[in-house]
Amino acid sequence: MLRFSTLVLVTAVVSLFFAGRSDAAPAEKQPLSASLVADRSAVKAGGEVTIGVLVKVEPHWHTYWANSGDAGEAPRIEMSGPAGVEFGTIQWPLPSRIEVDGGVTYGYENEVLLMVPAKLPKQISGTEVKIDARLSFQVCHADTCVEFKSNQSIRFPVSEDSRPAKEELFAAYRAKLPLPAGKDPAIERIEQKAGFSAPEPVFFVYWKDMPQKVEWFPLATSAVGIDQVKVTAGPNCTVVTYKTKLYKPAEIPGGKIESLVVYEDAGGRRHGVNVQIQVMPGK
């Protein structure tokens, strides 16, 4: 017994010595972190809650928008919960154009909040609701890319006293969401050239007051490719030209795809509006 106790003591002392050494190799820091947040303190039957994935990216790195552009991969967020919970689509804040070798990507630097609305069923059993999220992000810097994957959960007490939470954070990112077509007060009208099936389709954005800067972001789809985008200024309008490659015409409802027009006002603030563009004759 004595010899065994002595061995245990020596082993413990050696372990403590190595645990306290300052020259031990530190764990490698990930260039991206993600956590779940919510805009309500609790949930109630039949109520709604928005779950946000708060993404923070190290300086000089970036992650991607719904369409990653010429490189990269769009984030994937898969949420699940108790029976009857209905999840909406991801709400994407306005992206930025990020120049990379070989082209332009669309994404986010520093921080972004990707929001997913959820509708609760009219009947909830139990005193708690748990929402699970499977997250997958690609984060890149120059010619180096890292995959970030994480399974996370967020829990809500079930209560009629469901108060707002994280109000400043959600308000800031909701202000960065694009407006529906026809709802932006700065835009007078949007017209698409009749001969859109020509080699160089074009559409025009007519402004009430010409903005400082205009960008165009087509949404990614496996049914059609958008290439050679040019955004130029015309008389009180912005002219957008592009090339299309049709891959799966049957998967393009009405011959239209979604896109995003982003502009900068005189004060340097960015605004966006969703715009449908015609890429093939409608049925």
C-alpha atoms as a PDB file:
ATOM      1  CA  MET A   1       0.000   0.000   0.000  1.00  0.00           C
ATOM      2  CA  LEU A   2       2.764   2.420   0.868  1.00  0.00           C
ATOM      3  CA  ARG A   3       4.579   1.931  -2.424  1.00  0.00           C
ATOM      4  CA  PHE A   4       1.303   2.447  -4.391  1.00  0.00           C
ATOM      5  CA  SER A   5       0.495   5.678  -2.475  1.00  0.00           C
ATOM      6  CA  THR A   6       3.985   7.019  -3.121  1.00  0.00           C
ATOM      7  CA  LEU A   7       3.606   6.351  -6.868  1.00  0.00           C
ATOM      8  CA  VAL A   8       0.255   8.156  -6.953  1.00  0.00           C
ATOM      9  CA  LEU A   9       1.753  11.162  -5.142  1.00  0.00           C
ATOM     10  CA  VAL A  10       4.715  11.372  -7.521  1.00  0.00           C
ATOM     11  CA  THR A  11       2.430  11.083 -10.560  1.00  0.00           C
ATOM     12  CA  ALA A  12       0.201  13.871  -9.220  1.00  0.00           C
ATOM     13  CA  VAL A  13       3.188  16.164  -8.620  1.00  0.00           C
ATOM     14  CA  VAL A  14       4.539  15.544 -12.148  1.00  0.00           C
ATOM     15  CA  SER A  15       1.088  16.217 -13.644  1.00  0.00           C
ATOM     16  CA  LEU A  16       0.772  19.485 -11.759  1.00  0.00           C
ATOM     17  CA  PHE A  17       4.254  20.520 -12.932  1.00  0.00           C
ATOM     18  CA  PHE A  18       3.448  20.018 -16.613  1.00  0.00           C
ATOM     19  CA  ALA A  19      -0.043  21.527 -16.272  1.00  0.00           C
ATOM     20  CA  GLY A  20       1.500  24.730 -14.973  1.00  0.00           C
ATOM     21  CA  ARG A  21       4.215  25.069 -17.636  1.00  0.00           C
ATOM     22  CA  SER A  22       3.836  28.293 -19.671  1.00  0.00           C
ATOM     23  CA  ASP A  23       5.642  26.870 -22.714  1.00  0.00           C
ATOM     24  CA  ALA A  24       2.910  24.344 -23.549  1.00  0.00           C
ATOM     25  CA  ALA A  25       1.599  24.748 -27.127  1.00  0.00           C
ATOM     26  CA  PRO A  26      -1.620  26.816 -27.088  1.00  0.00           C
ATOM     27  CA  ALA A  27      -4.727  25.574 -28.922  1.00  0.00           C
ATOM     28  CA  GLU A  28      -4.948  26.981 -32.463  1.00  0.00           C
ATOM     29  CA  LYS A  29      -7.402  29.875 -32.639  1.00  0.00           C
ATOM     30  CA  GLN A  30     -10.198  29.587 -35.173  1.00  0.00           C
ATOM     31  CA  PRO A  31     -10.609  32.594 -37.530  1.00  0.00           C
ATOM     32  CA  LEU A  32     -14.401  32.366 -37.135  1.00  0.00           C
ATOM     33  CA  SER A  33     -16.671  31.888 -34.134  1.00  0.00           C
ATOM     34  CA  ALA A  34     -20.454  31.515 -34.063  1.00  0.00           C
ATOM     35  CA  SER A  35     -23.031  31.528 -31.293  1.00  0.00           C
ATOM     36  CA  LEU A  36     -26.838  31.397 -31.065  1.00  0.00           C
ATOM     37  CA  VAL A  37     -28.822  34.379 -29.763  1.00  0.00           C
ATOM     38  CA  ALA A  38     -32.540  35.198 -29.788  1.00  0.00           C
ATOM     39  CA  ASP A  39     -34.771  38.272 -29.800  1.00  0.00           C
ATOM     40  CA  ARG A  40     -37.104  36.933 -27.069  1.00  0.00           C
ATOM     41  CA  SER A  41     -36.446  35.988 -23.455  1.00  0.00           C
ATOM     42  CA  ALA A  42     -39.040  33.198 -23.572  1.00  0.00           C
ATOM     43  CA  VAL A  43     -41.510  31.597 -25.974  1.00  0.00           C
ATOM     44  CA  LYS A  44     -45.243  31.076 -25.791  1.00  0.00           C
ATOM     45  CA  ALA A  45     -47.673  28.868 -27.676  1.00  0.00           C
ATOM     46  CA  GLY A  46     -48.478  30.316 -31.093  1.00  0.00           C
ATOM     47  CA  GLY A  47     -45.797  32.984 -30.706  1.00  0.00           C
ATOM     48  CA  GLU A  48     -42.749  33.841 -32.783  1.00  0.00           C
ATOM     49  CA  VAL A  49     -39.058  34.153 -32.057  1.00  0.00           C
ATOM     50  CA  THR A  50     -36.108  35.058 -34.259  1.00  0.00           C
ATOM     51  CA  ILE A  51     -32.972  33.019 -33.696  1.00  0.00           C
ATOM     52  CA  GLY A  52     -29.742  34.636 -34.775  1.00  0.00           C
ATOM     53  CA  VAL A  53     -26.385  33.084 -35.586  1.00  0.00           C
ATOM     54  CA  LEU A  54     -23.896  35.708 -34.443  1.00  0.00           C
ATOM     55  CA  VAL A  55     -20.745  35.243 -36.516  1.00  0.00           C
ATOM     56  CA  LYS A  56     -17.458  36.930 -35.667  1.00  0.00           C
ATOM     57  CA  VAL A  57     -14.543  36.824 -38.097  1.00  0.00           C
ATOM     58  CA  GLU A  58     -10.906  37.614 -37.386  1.00  0.00           C
ATOM     59  CA  PRO A  59      -9.349  40.651 -39.181  1.00  0.00           C
ATOM     60  CA  HIS A  60      -8.409  40.038 -42.836  1.00  0.00           C
ATOM     61  CA  TRP A  61     -10.666  36.954 -43.029  1.00  0.00           C
ATOM     62  CA  HIS A  62     -14.171  36.783 -44.514  1.00  0.00           C
ATOM     63  CA  THR A  63     -17.142  34.453 -44.797  1.00  0.00           C
ATOM     64  CA  TYR A  64     -19.882  34.391 -47.414  1.00  0.00           C
ATOM     65  CA  TRP A  65     -23.361  35.554 -48.421  1.00  0.00           C
ATOM     66  CA  ALA A  66     -26.143  33.394 -49.955  1.00  0.00           C
ATOM     67  CA  ASN A  67     -24.211  33.673 -53.240  1.00  0.00           C
ATOM     68  CA  SER A  68     -20.490  33.424 -52.571  1.00  0.00           C
ATOM     69  CA  GLY A  69     -19.559  34.865 -55.981  1.00  0.00           C
ATOM     70  CA  ASP A  70     -16.506  33.637 -57.907  1.00  0.00           C
ATOM     71  CA  ALA A  71     -15.193  31.498 -55.038  1.00  0.00           C
ATOM     72  CA  GLY A  72     -16.101  30.124 -51.651  1.00  0.00           C
ATOM     73  CA  GLU A  73     -19.216  28.435 -50.269  1.00  0.00           C
ATOM     74  CA  ALA A  74     -22.387  29.907 -48.815  1.00  0.00           C
ATOM     75  CA  PRO A  75     -23.075  29.251 -45.107  1.00  0.00           C
ATOM     76  CA  ARG A  76     -25.436  26.420 -44.210  1.00  0.00           C
ATOM     77  CA  ILE A  77     -27.754  26.686 -41.221  1.00  0.00           C
ATOM     78  CA  GLU A  78     -30.087  23.802 -40.413  1.00  0.00           C
ATOM     79  CA  MET A  79     -32.436  24.274 -37.471  1.00  0.00           C
ATOM     80  CA  SER A  80     -34.702  21.745 -35.822  1.00  0.00           C
ATOM     81  CA  GLY A  81     -36.972  21.734 -32.803  1.00  0.00           C
ATOM     82  CA  PRO A  82     -40.032  20.099 -31.261  1.00  0.00           C
ATOM     83  CA  ALA A  83     -42.898  18.954 -33.479  1.00  0.00           C
ATOM     84  CA  GLY A  84     -44.873  21.873 -34.870  1.00  0.00           C
ATOM     85  CA  VAL A  85     -42.093  24.494 -34.888  1.00  0.00           C
ATOM     86  CA  GLU A  86     -41.906  26.156 -38.319  1.00  0.00           C
ATOM     87  CA  PHE A  87     -38.633  27.762 -39.399  1.00  0.00           C
ATOM     88  CA  GLY A  88     -38.421  30.505 -42.030  1.00  0.00           C
ATOM     89  CA  THR A  89     -35.593  31.132 -44.444  1.00  0.00           C
ATOM     90  CA  ILE A  90     -32.332  32.847 -43.512  1.00  0.00           C
ATOM     91  CA  GLN A  91     -32.537  36.637 -43.460  1.00  0.00           C
ATOM     92  CA  TRP A  92     -29.293  37.873 -45.024  1.00  0.00           C
ATOM     93  CA  PRO A  93     -27.952  41.370 -44.194  1.00  0.00           C
ATOM     94  CA  LEU A  94     -26.471  43.334 -47.079  1.00  0.00           C
ATOM     95  CA  PRO A  95     -23.228  41.725 -48.276  1.00  0.00           C
ATOM     96  CA  SER A  96     -20.040  43.393 -49.466  1.00  0.00           C
ATOM     97  CA  ARG A  97     -17.942  42.796 -52.568  1.00  0.00           C
ATOM     98  CA  ILE A  98     -14.605  41.278 -51.566  1.00  0.00           C
ATOM     99  CA  GLU A  99     -11.826  41.251 -54.144  1.00  0.00           C
ATOM    100  CA  VAL A 100      -9.885  37.974 -54.330  1.00  0.00           C
ATOM    101  CA  ASP A 101      -7.387  36.479 -56.766  1.00  0.00           C
ATOM    102  CA  GLY A 102      -9.319  35.480 -59.847  1.00  0.00           C
ATOM    103  CA  GLY A 103     -12.503  37.397 -59.204  1.00  0.00           C
ATOM    104  CA  VAL A 104     -14.954  38.899 -56.716  1.00  0.00           C
ATOM    105  CA  THR A 105     -16.711  37.198 -53.838  1.00  0.00           C
ATOM    106  CA  TYR A 106     -19.780  38.335 -51.889  1.00  0.00           C
ATOM    107  CA  GLY A 107     -19.692  38.100 -48.132  1.00  0.00           C
ATOM    108  CA  TYR A 108     -19.008  39.510 -44.722  1.00  0.00           C
ATOM    109  CA  GLU A 109     -16.029  40.669 -42.704  1.00  0.00           C
ATOM    110  CA  ASN A 110     -15.691  41.284 -38.952  1.00  0.00           C
ATOM    111  CA  GLU A 111     -19.243  40.433 -37.800  1.00  0.00           C
ATOM    112  CA  VAL A 112     -22.649  39.452 -39.126  1.00  0.00           C
ATOM    113  CA  LEU A 113     -25.942  38.243 -37.660  1.00  0.00           C
ATOM    114  CA  LEU A 114     -27.827  35.718 -39.807  1.00  0.00           C
ATOM    115  CA  MET A 115     -31.427  35.567 -38.616  1.00  0.00           C
ATOM    116  CA  VAL A 116     -33.944  32.712 -38.862  1.00  0.00           C
ATOM    117  CA  PRO A 117     -37.562  33.354 -37.787  1.00  0.00           C
ATOM    118  CA  ALA A 118     -39.423  30.544 -36.026  1.00  0.00           C
ATOM    119  CA  LYS A 119     -43.160  30.114 -35.450  1.00  0.00           C
ATOM    120  CA  LEU A 120     -44.184  28.140 -32.367  1.00  0.00           C
ATOM    121  CA  PRO A 121     -47.130  25.677 -32.443  1.00  0.00           C
ATOM    122  CA  LYS A 122     -50.403  26.591 -30.762  1.00  0.00           C
ATOM    123  CA  GLN A 123     -49.810  23.890 -28.170  1.00  0.00           C
ATOM    124  CA  ILE A 124     -46.499  23.342 -26.372  1.00  0.00           C
ATOM    125  CA  SER A 125     -45.918  20.462 -23.999  1.00  0.00           C
ATOM    126  CA  GLY A 126     -43.480  21.004 -21.166  1.00  0.00           C
ATOM    127  CA  THR A 127     -41.911  24.100 -19.674  1.00  0.00           C
ATOM    128  CA  GLU A 128     -38.991  24.473 -22.098  1.00  0.00           C
ATOM    129  CA  VAL A 129     -38.366  24.567 -25.853  1.00  0.00           C
ATOM    130  CA  LYS A 130     -34.997  23.519 -27.231  1.00  0.00           C
ATOM    131  CA  ILE A 131     -33.848  24.543 -30.706  1.00  0.00           C
ATOM    132  CA  ASP A 132     -30.882  22.777 -32.301  1.00  0.00           C
ATOM    133  CA  ALA A 133     -28.735  24.269 -35.068  1.00  0.00           C
ATOM    134  CA  ARG A 134     -26.195  22.639 -37.367  1.00  0.00           C
ATOM    135  CA  LEU A 135     -23.811  25.310 -38.631  1.00  0.00           C
ATOM    136  CA  SER A 136     -21.340  25.154 -41.487  1.00  0.00           C
ATOM    137  CA  PHE A 137     -19.239  28.127 -42.618  1.00  0.00           C
ATOM    138  CA  GLN A 138     -16.267  28.595 -44.885  1.00  0.00           C
ATOM    139  CA  VAL A 139     -13.943  31.396 -43.825  1.00  0.00           C
ATOM    140  CA  CYS A 140     -11.128  32.535 -46.104  1.00  0.00           C
ATOM    141  CA  HIS A 141      -8.085  34.792 -46.221  1.00  0.00           C
ATOM    142  CA  ALA A 142      -6.092  35.210 -49.460  1.00  0.00           C
ATOM    143  CA  ASP A 143      -5.632  31.637 -50.751  1.00  0.00           C
ATOM    144  CA  THR A 144      -6.345  29.944 -47.414  1.00  0.00           C
ATOM    145  CA  CYS A 145      -9.805  28.669 -46.459  1.00  0.00           C
ATOM    146  CA  VAL A 146     -10.947  26.956 -43.265  1.00  0.00           C
ATOM    147  CA  GLU A 147     -14.160  25.005 -42.669  1.00  0.00           C
ATOM    148  CA  PHE A 148     -16.054  25.822 -39.484  1.00  0.00           C
ATOM    149  CA  LYS A 149     -18.688  23.324 -38.338  1.00  0.00           C
ATOM    150  CA  SER A 150     -20.617  23.369 -35.089  1.00  0.00           C
ATOM    151  CA  ASN A 151     -23.727  21.833 -33.536  1.00  0.00           C
ATOM    152  CA  GLN A 152     -25.329  24.213 -31.044  1.00  0.00           C
ATOM    153  CA  SER A 153     -28.540  24.526 -29.052  1.00  0.00           C
ATOM    154  CA  ILE A 154     -30.547  27.299 -27.469  1.00  0.00           C
ATOM    155  CA  ARG A 155     -33.267  26.805 -24.836  1.00  0.00           C
ATOM    156  CA  PHE A 156     -36.291  28.939 -24.047  1.00  0.00           C
ATOM    157  CA  PRO A 157     -38.590  28.808 -21.036  1.00  0.00           C
ATOM    158  CA  VAL A 158     -42.260  28.597 -22.003  1.00  0.00           C
ATOM    159  CA  SER A 159     -43.987  31.667 -20.565  1.00  0.00           C
ATOM    160  CA  GLU A 160     -46.680  34.199 -21.405  1.00  0.00           C
ATOM    161  CA  ASP A 161     -44.170  36.809 -20.250  1.00  0.00           C
ATOM    162  CA  SER A 162     -42.096  36.720 -23.441  1.00  0.00           C
ATOM    163  CA  ARG A 163     -40.093  39.939 -23.472  1.00  0.00           C
ATOM    164  CA  PRO A 164     -37.740  41.334 -26.130  1.00  0.00           C
ATOM    165  CA  ALA A 165     -34.068  40.437 -25.777  1.00  0.00           C
ATOM    166  CA  LYS A 166     -30.872  41.631 -27.500  1.00  0.00           C
ATOM    167  CA  GLU A 167     -32.894  44.558 -28.872  1.00  0.00           C
ATOM    168  CA  GLU A 168     -29.965  46.721 -30.020  1.00  0.00           C
ATOM    169  CA  LEU A 169     -28.228  43.828 -31.791  1.00  0.00           C
ATOM    170  CA  PHE A 170     -31.314  42.696 -33.700  1.00  0.00           C
ATOM    171  CA  ALA A 171     -32.386  46.259 -34.529  1.00  0.00           C
ATOM    172  CA  ALA A 172     -28.947  47.013 -35.975  1.00  0.00           C
ATOM    173  CA  TYR A 173     -29.007  43.997 -38.270  1.00  0.00           C
ATOM    174  CA  ARG A 174     -32.654  44.304 -39.255  1.00  0.00           C
ATOM    175  CA  ALA A 175     -31.750  47.779 -40.496  1.00  0.00           C
ATOM    176  CA  LYS A 176     -29.254  46.057 -42.827  1.00  0.00           C
ATOM    177  CA  LEU A 177     -31.850  43.803 -44.455  1.00  0.00           C
ATOM    178  CA  PRO A 178     -32.977  44.676 -47.990  1.00  0.00           C
ATOM    179  CA  LEU A 179     -36.449  46.079 -48.621  1.00  0.00           C
ATOM    180  CA  PRO A 180     -38.969  44.319 -50.880  1.00  0.00           C
ATOM    181  CA  ALA A 181     -39.176  45.516 -54.486  1.00  0.00           C
ATOM    182  CA  GLY A 182     -41.219  48.697 -54.801  1.00  0.00           C
ATOM    183  CA  LYS A 183     -40.777  49.666 -51.140  1.00  0.00           C
ATOM    184  CA  ASP A 184     -37.574  51.696 -51.359  1.00  0.00           C
ATOM    185  CA  PRO A 185     -38.357  55.448 -51.390  1.00  0.00           C
ATOM    186  CA  ALA A 186     -35.151  56.306 -53.275  1.00  0.00           C
ATOM    187  CA  ILE A 187     -36.061  54.253 -56.356  1.00  0.00           C
ATOM    188  CA  GLU A 188     -38.478  55.681 -58.893  1.00  0.00           C
ATOM    189  CA  ARG A 189     -38.818  52.522 -60.989  1.00  0.00           C
ATOM    190  CA  ILE A 190     -36.962  49.515 -62.345  1.00  0.00           C
ATOM    191  CA  GLU A 191     -37.201  48.484 -65.996  1.00  0.00           C
ATOM    192  CA  GLN A 192     -35.863  45.468 -67.825  1.00  0.00           C
ATOM    193  CA  LYS A 193     -34.928  45.682 -71.474  1.00  0.00           C
ATOM    194  CA  ALA A 194     -37.490  43.930 -73.684  1.00  0.00           C
ATOM    195  CA  GLY A 195     -34.811  41.962 -75.503  1.00  0.00           C
ATOM    196  CA  PHE A 196     -33.519  40.333 -72.362  1.00  0.00           C
ATOM    197  CA  SER A 197     -32.741  37.104 -74.260  1.00  0.00           C
ATOM    198  CA  ALA A 198     -30.058  38.980 -76.206  1.00  0.00           C
ATOM    199  CA  PRO A 199     -26.396  38.130 -75.510  1.00  0.00           C
ATOM    200  CA  GLU A 200     -26.216  40.995 -73.030  1.00  0.00           C
ATOM    201  CA  PRO A 201     -29.387  41.361 -70.902  1.00  0.00           C
ATOM    202  CA  VAL A 202     -29.853  44.697 -69.173  1.00  0.00           C
ATOM    203  CA  PHE A 203     -32.052  46.381 -66.602  1.00  0.00           C
ATOM    204  CA  PHE A 204     -32.323  49.997 -65.471  1.00  0.00           C
ATOM    205  CA  VAL A 205     -32.787  51.424 -61.986  1.00  0.00           C
ATOM    206  CA  TYR A 206     -34.212  54.960 -62.118  1.00  0.00           C
ATOM    207  CA  TRP A 207     -33.560  57.068 -59.022  1.00  0.00           C
ATOM    208  CA  LYS A 208     -35.342  60.006 -57.433  1.00  0.00           C
ATOM    209  CA  ASP A 209     -31.917  61.139 -56.226  1.00  0.00           C
ATOM    210  CA  MET A 210     -28.831  59.577 -57.778  1.00  0.00           C
ATOM    211  CA  PRO A 211     -26.890  57.631 -55.101  1.00  0.00           C
ATOM    212  CA  GLN A 212     -23.160  57.769 -54.492  1.00  0.00           C
ATOM    213  CA  LYS A 213     -22.488  54.127 -55.319  1.00  0.00           C
ATOM    214  CA  VAL A 214     -24.524  51.198 -56.678  1.00  0.00           C
ATOM    215  CA  GLU A 215     -23.753  47.464 -56.566  1.00  0.00           C
ATOM    216  CA  TRP A 216     -25.682  44.450 -57.832  1.00  0.00           C
ATOM    217  CA  PHE A 217     -25.708  40.957 -56.291  1.00  0.00           C
ATOM    218  CA  PRO A 218     -27.531  38.150 -58.126  1.00  0.00           C
ATOM    219  CA  LEU A 219     -28.639  35.275 -55.927  1.00  0.00           C
ATOM    220  CA  ALA A 220     -26.993  31.911 -56.465  1.00  0.00           C
ATOM    221  CA  THR A 221     -28.979  29.171 -58.191  1.00  0.00           C
ATOM    222  CA  SER A 222     -28.018  25.895 -59.830  1.00  0.00           C
ATOM    223  CA  ALA A 223     -30.537  26.616 -62.617  1.00  0.00           C
ATOM    224  CA  VAL A 224     -28.795  29.636 -64.130  1.00  0.00           C
ATOM    225  CA  GLY A 225     -25.347  31.216 -64.058  1.00  0.00           C
ATOM    226  CA  ILE A 226     -24.756  34.981 -64.008  1.00  0.00           C
ATOM    227  CA  ASP A 227     -21.428  36.279 -65.276  1.00  0.00           C
ATOM    228  CA  GLN A 228     -19.666  39.404 -66.578  1.00  0.00           C
ATOM    229  CA  VAL A 229     -21.693  41.831 -64.483  1.00  0.00           C
ATOM    230  CA  LYS A 230     -21.268  45.520 -65.298  1.00  0.00           C
ATOM    231  CA  VAL A 231     -22.838  48.362 -63.312  1.00  0.00           C
ATOM    232  CA  THR A 232     -22.616  51.787 -64.947  1.00  0.00           C
ATOM    233  CA  ALA A 233     -24.256  55.175 -64.435  1.00  0.00           C
ATOM    234  CA  GLY A 234     -26.708  56.581 -66.962  1.00  0.00           C
ATOM    235  CA  PRO A 235     -28.783  59.804 -66.929  1.00  0.00           C
ATOM    236  CA  ASN A 236     -30.480  59.625 -63.521  1.00  0.00           C
ATOM    237  CA  CYS A 237     -30.324  55.838 -63.653  1.00  0.00           C
ATOM    238  CA  THR A 238     -28.075  52.852 -63.094  1.00  0.00           C
ATOM    239  CA  VAL A 239     -27.541  50.400 -65.953  1.00  0.00           C
ATOM    240  CA  VAL A 240     -26.813  46.758 -65.089  1.00  0.00           C
ATOM    241  CA  THR A 241     -25.684  44.338 -67.801  1.00  0.00           C
ATOM    242  CA  TYR A 242     -24.753  40.684 -67.403  1.00  0.00           C
ATOM    243  CA  LYS A 243     -24.431  37.356 -69.221  1.00  0.00           C
ATOM    244  CA  THR A 244     -26.616  34.344 -68.424  1.00  0.00           C
ATOM    245  CA  LYS A 245     -26.098  30.602 -68.814  1.00  0.00           C
ATOM    246  CA  LEU A 246     -29.223  28.485 -68.461  1.00  0.00           C
ATOM    247  CA  TYR A 247     -28.692  25.043 -66.917  1.00  0.00           C
ATOM    248  CA  LYS A 248     -32.135  23.977 -65.690  1.00  0.00           C
ATOM    249  CA  PRO A 249     -34.842  26.165 -67.278  1.00  0.00           C
ATOM    250  CA  ALA A 250     -37.620  24.096 -65.712  1.00  0.00           C
ATOM    251  CA  GLU A 251     -36.403  25.199 -62.247  1.00  0.00           C
ATOM    252  CA  ILE A 252     -36.743  28.937 -62.942  1.00  0.00           C
ATOM    253  CA  PRO A 253     -40.317  29.926 -61.946  1.00  0.00           C
ATOM    254  CA  GLY A 254     -41.705  32.487 -64.397  1.00  0.00           C
ATOM    255  CA  GLY A 255     -38.258  32.802 -65.944  1.00  0.00           C
ATOM    256  CA  LYS A 256     -37.129  35.071 -63.068  1.00  0.00           C
ATOM    257  CA  ILE A 257     -34.476  34.916 -60.353  1.00  0.00           C
ATOM    258  CA  GLU A 258     -33.935  37.065 -57.279  1.00  0.00           C
ATOM    259  CA  SER A 259     -31.213  39.682 -57.005  1.00  0.00           C
ATOM    260  CA  LEU A 260     -30.170  42.515 -54.732  1.00  0.00           C
ATOM    261  CA  VAL A 261     -29.486  46.158 -55.610  1.00  0.00           C
ATOM    262  CA  VAL A 262     -27.351  47.878 -52.950  1.00  0.00           C
ATOM    263  CA  TYR A 263     -26.692  51.606 -52.972  1.00  0.00           C
ATOM    264  CA  GLU A 264     -24.935  54.165 -50.810  1.00  0.00           C
ATOM    265  CA  ASP A 265     -26.713  57.414 -49.977  1.00  0.00           C
ATOM    266  CA  ALA A 266     -25.160  60.870 -49.587  1.00  0.00           C
ATOM    267  CA  GLY A 267     -24.443  60.149 -45.921  1.00  0.00           C
ATOM    268  CA  GLY A 268     -22.514  56.978 -46.723  1.00  0.00           C
ATOM    269  CA  ARG A 269     -25.241  54.625 -45.447  1.00  0.00           C
ATOM    270  CA  ARG A 270     -25.880  51.429 -47.410  1.00  0.00           C
ATOM    271  CA  HIS A 271     -29.392  50.380 -48.423  1.00  0.00           C
ATOM    272  CA  GLY A 272     -30.672  47.428 -50.403  1.00  0.00           C
ATOM    273  CA  VAL A 273     -33.756  46.329 -52.305  1.00  0.00           C
ATOM    274  CA  ASN A 274     -34.750  42.906 -53.633  1.00  0.00           C
ATOM    275  CA  VAL A 275     -35.262  42.876 -57.401  1.00  0.00           C
ATOM    276  CA  GLN A 276     -36.507  40.037 -59.601  1.00  0.00           C
ATOM    277  CA  ILE A 277     -34.808  39.877 -62.989  1.00  0.00           C
ATOM    278  CA  GLN A 278     -35.949  38.054 -66.095  1.00  0.00           C
ATOM    279  CA  VAL A 279     -33.425  35.501 -67.348  1.00  0.00           C
ATOM    280  CA  MET A 280     -35.706  33.646 -69.772  1.00  0.00           C
ATOM    281  CA  PRO A 281     -39.171  34.154 -71.269  1.00  0.00           C
ATOM    282  CA  GLY A 282     -41.947  33.762 -68.693  1.00  0.00           C
ATOM    283  CA  LYS A 283     -44.557  31.058 -69.170  1.00  0.00           C
END
